[in-house]
Amino acid sequence: MQKNLVLKNSFILLSALMIVEMILVITAYVNQSENLYVYAIVTMWGIGIIYCLLDIYNRVFFFIYLLAFFNFLIGRSLLIILGIFKEPYRFTLQESISGQQIVLFSLIVLVSSYILLGKSISRNMQIMNADSVSIQKVRLASKVLFLSTFVFLVISVLGTIFYVIQNGYASIYVDVEAKVPTIIKKIGDIAPFAFYLFLGTLPTKKEVRLPLMLYTIYLILTLGTGARFEFVIGILSILTYFILRNSLAKSESEKWIRKRSLKYYVILGFIIIAMLSAYNNLRFNESVETTSPIQLITKFSFDQGISINIPKRIFKYSNYIPTDRFYSLDSTISFFNKNIGSKLFGTIYYSGASVEKAINGNSLSDVLSYILYKSQYLLGIGGGSSYIAEVYLDFGWLGLFIINIIYSFLFVKLEDFSLKSPYKFLIAFVIFMAFLRTPRGRTDGVILKIFDPMLWISLIIIYFITKYMIKVKRVRK
């Protein structure tokens, strides 16, 4: 009875917010007000968040993605409207409005299609038997593989850290070649896949303690490279996993995030955000002594939200951006040129930061960075990208409509099969973590991750080790 009342009240709230959303969109269009467009974006985002919270265990992937979307494409604009920060980059009113319009359109399609597809697609929420012999063998094999390759992962990160210390943070974008021997890096690349495959076997809290501690150490070490993105993605993925495990708990004591400890997780989250913001200040030699914790938290959102300027810049520099290429297929084209095209057909593969890559390549990030920073771009200074800007440049409004429906469909399917087997869990999390990058990254980054050779090598190794272990056990019997 109480559940039905909550659902009824939630339906009324969502319906009211949809009416408010329509009014905001129409008013923003009539008055050509960027502020109203931002309010419309925030309202649509709120609708998505509320919908996810109504069934958080089955909608956790999309919920976490919306948090990332807010951080990269919404938060900065909201802080500027509230007068907390000022935008140092100059845009005309029309450039700003055009950028906000394609973000708003994308979010409306994304959230609406997710809700509709979630209701219309039949769901098969089958959950693996974590106590079966085969799952136990995968758990042991993946844990051993993670522990044995972890040291190579750490060596690889330390190599990058030492390189950054010697040459500066931006240098890693100029020279993308390995800072350690390739064989060490490749072996190290197996460790994260083995870790998530291990998590996919649904181990107990005690079993997961050591691998989780080691993986957290790795995430902290990545901050030494000067980049925060890998750390943020890793923490968000672990949070997602904890929520998924909560969905399987039969009692409060079995939950990975208990209600009584929830406030401590929230406080810890704010502390991490403040520390990341302070770290960013130190990275660029900015003072943190006179900055309050609250200012550090808001500044983190402001700094991370600079990706909203990418949709604006494609309108600002529309006369300078080449239109004879597909920016949304950059990952796919680069993967082909590097691994197949250059070897069989003599196609050119561009790497690092170079004039040739900026002029002839398919990377919107490189094109915009070269337009903006010129010589500084060649030193590794860049502005990033966004799937919204890439798809709009390639295929316009129709392209944005289609890609956001595809994204929402994939989110529904991820939530459907992520707990069916350890292997499906790993694939789901690889796709999910690639999705978390899209608001400030490449559209087809998911494809690049799925075809990562180290992913499939990891799966093959675990598969054959598991088969061998099961075979040995049968022979002994």
Foldseek 3Di string as FASTA:
>chain_A
DVLVVVVVVLVVVLVVLVVVLVVLVVVCVVVVDLVSLLVSQVSLLVSLLSVCVNPVLLQVLVNLLSVLLCLAARLQVVCVVVVVDPDPDDFDSVLSSQLSVLSSLLSNLQSVLLVVCLVPDDFDQDFDDLPDLLLVLLLVLLVVLLVVLQVLLVVQLVLLLVVCVVQNLLQCLQDVDGSDPPVSNLSNVLNVLSLLLNVLSVDAPVSNVVVVVSVLVSLVSNVSSVDNLSNVLVVSLVVSSQSNQQVVDPDQVRRSQHPVCVVVVVVVVLVVQLVVLVSNCVSVVHDDPPPDSVNSNSVSSNVSHLLSCQSSVCVVCVVQDDLPAQLLCQLVVLVCVVPPCCVPPVDDHDGRQDPCCLVPNSHPFNVSQCVPPPVVVSSRDTDFHAQSNRQCSHPNPVSSSVLSSVVSNLSSVLSRCLRHHSLSVSLSSLLSSQSSCRRRHHNVSNVNSVPDVSSVVSVVSSVVSSVVVVVVVVVVD
